[in-house]
Amino acid sequence: MTVHFKSSLEGPNLRGMAIVSEPEAAARIGINRIGGEWIAGSSGKFLKIDSPSTG
């Protein structure tokens, strides 16, 4: 499985998007701990992330 992650720091928040082949795969790498919203994507599942930075 390949995961593409793109992120940028904006103030105290970490914003980005992870593109994974399936929700279960995202859970295995811990993306579900960050939280987000699954939306339909032509290349699989897109997880929109908007979460406070942990450090």
Protein backbone atom coordinates (compact mmCIF):
# COMPACT_ATOMS: atom_id res chain seq x y z
CA MET A 1 0.00 0.00 0.00
CA THR A 2 1.20 3.50 -0.81
CA VAL A 3 0.24 6.53 1.22
CA HIS A 4 0.80 10.05 -0.06
CA PHE A 5 0.75 12.75 2.59
CA LYS A 6 0.94 16.46 2.00
CA SER A 7 0.87 18.92 4.85
CA SER A 8 1.59 22.50 5.69
CA LEU A 9 1.88 24.33 8.97
CA GLU A 10 -0.48 27.23 9.45
CA GLY A 11 -0.13 28.78 12.89
CA PRO A 12 -0.79 26.25 15.67
CA ASN A 13 -2.67 23.90 13.35
CA LEU A 14 -1.47 21.10 11.13
CA ARG A 15 -3.38 20.95 7.88
CA GLY A 16 -2.94 18.37 5.18
CA MET A 17 -4.44 15.57 3.18
CA ALA A 18 -3.59 11.90 3.12
CA ILE A 19 -4.49 9.77 0.12
CA VAL A 20 -4.88 6.10 0.93
CA SER A 21 -6.39 3.10 -0.80
CA GLU A 22 -8.81 2.20 1.99
CA PRO A 23 -10.00 3.41 5.42
CA GLU A 24 -8.63 0.28 7.11
CA ALA A 25 -5.18 1.12 5.80
CA ALA A 26 -5.45 4.60 7.23
CA ALA A 27 -6.37 3.14 10.60
CA ARG A 28 -3.31 0.90 10.54
CA ILE A 29 -0.98 3.86 10.17
CA GLY A 30 -2.83 5.87 12.78
CA ILE A 31 -4.49 8.50 10.60
CA ASN A 32 -7.79 7.83 12.35
CA ARG A 33 -6.22 9.18 15.53
CA ILE A 34 -5.77 12.54 13.85
CA GLY A 35 -9.36 12.69 12.70
CA GLY A 36 -10.82 13.96 9.50
CA GLU A 37 -13.48 13.45 6.91
CA TRP A 38 -13.49 10.83 4.20
CA ILE A 39 -14.50 12.16 0.79
CA ALA A 40 -14.74 10.45 -2.58
CA GLY A 41 -11.66 10.67 -4.75
CA SER A 42 -10.72 9.32 -8.16
CA SER A 43 -7.45 7.94 -6.76
CA GLY A 44 -9.00 6.26 -3.75
CA LYS A 45 -9.99 7.77 -0.44
CA PHE A 46 -9.02 11.29 0.56
CA LEU A 47 -8.77 12.10 4.24
CA LYS A 48 -9.00 15.78 4.96
CA ILE A 49 -7.06 16.63 8.09
CA ASP A 50 -7.47 19.71 10.23
CA SER A 51 -6.12 19.03 13.69
CA PRO A 52 -4.11 20.87 16.35
CA SER A 53 -0.41 20.05 16.22
CA THR A 54 0.85 17.77 18.96
CA GLY A 55 4.24 19.22 19.12
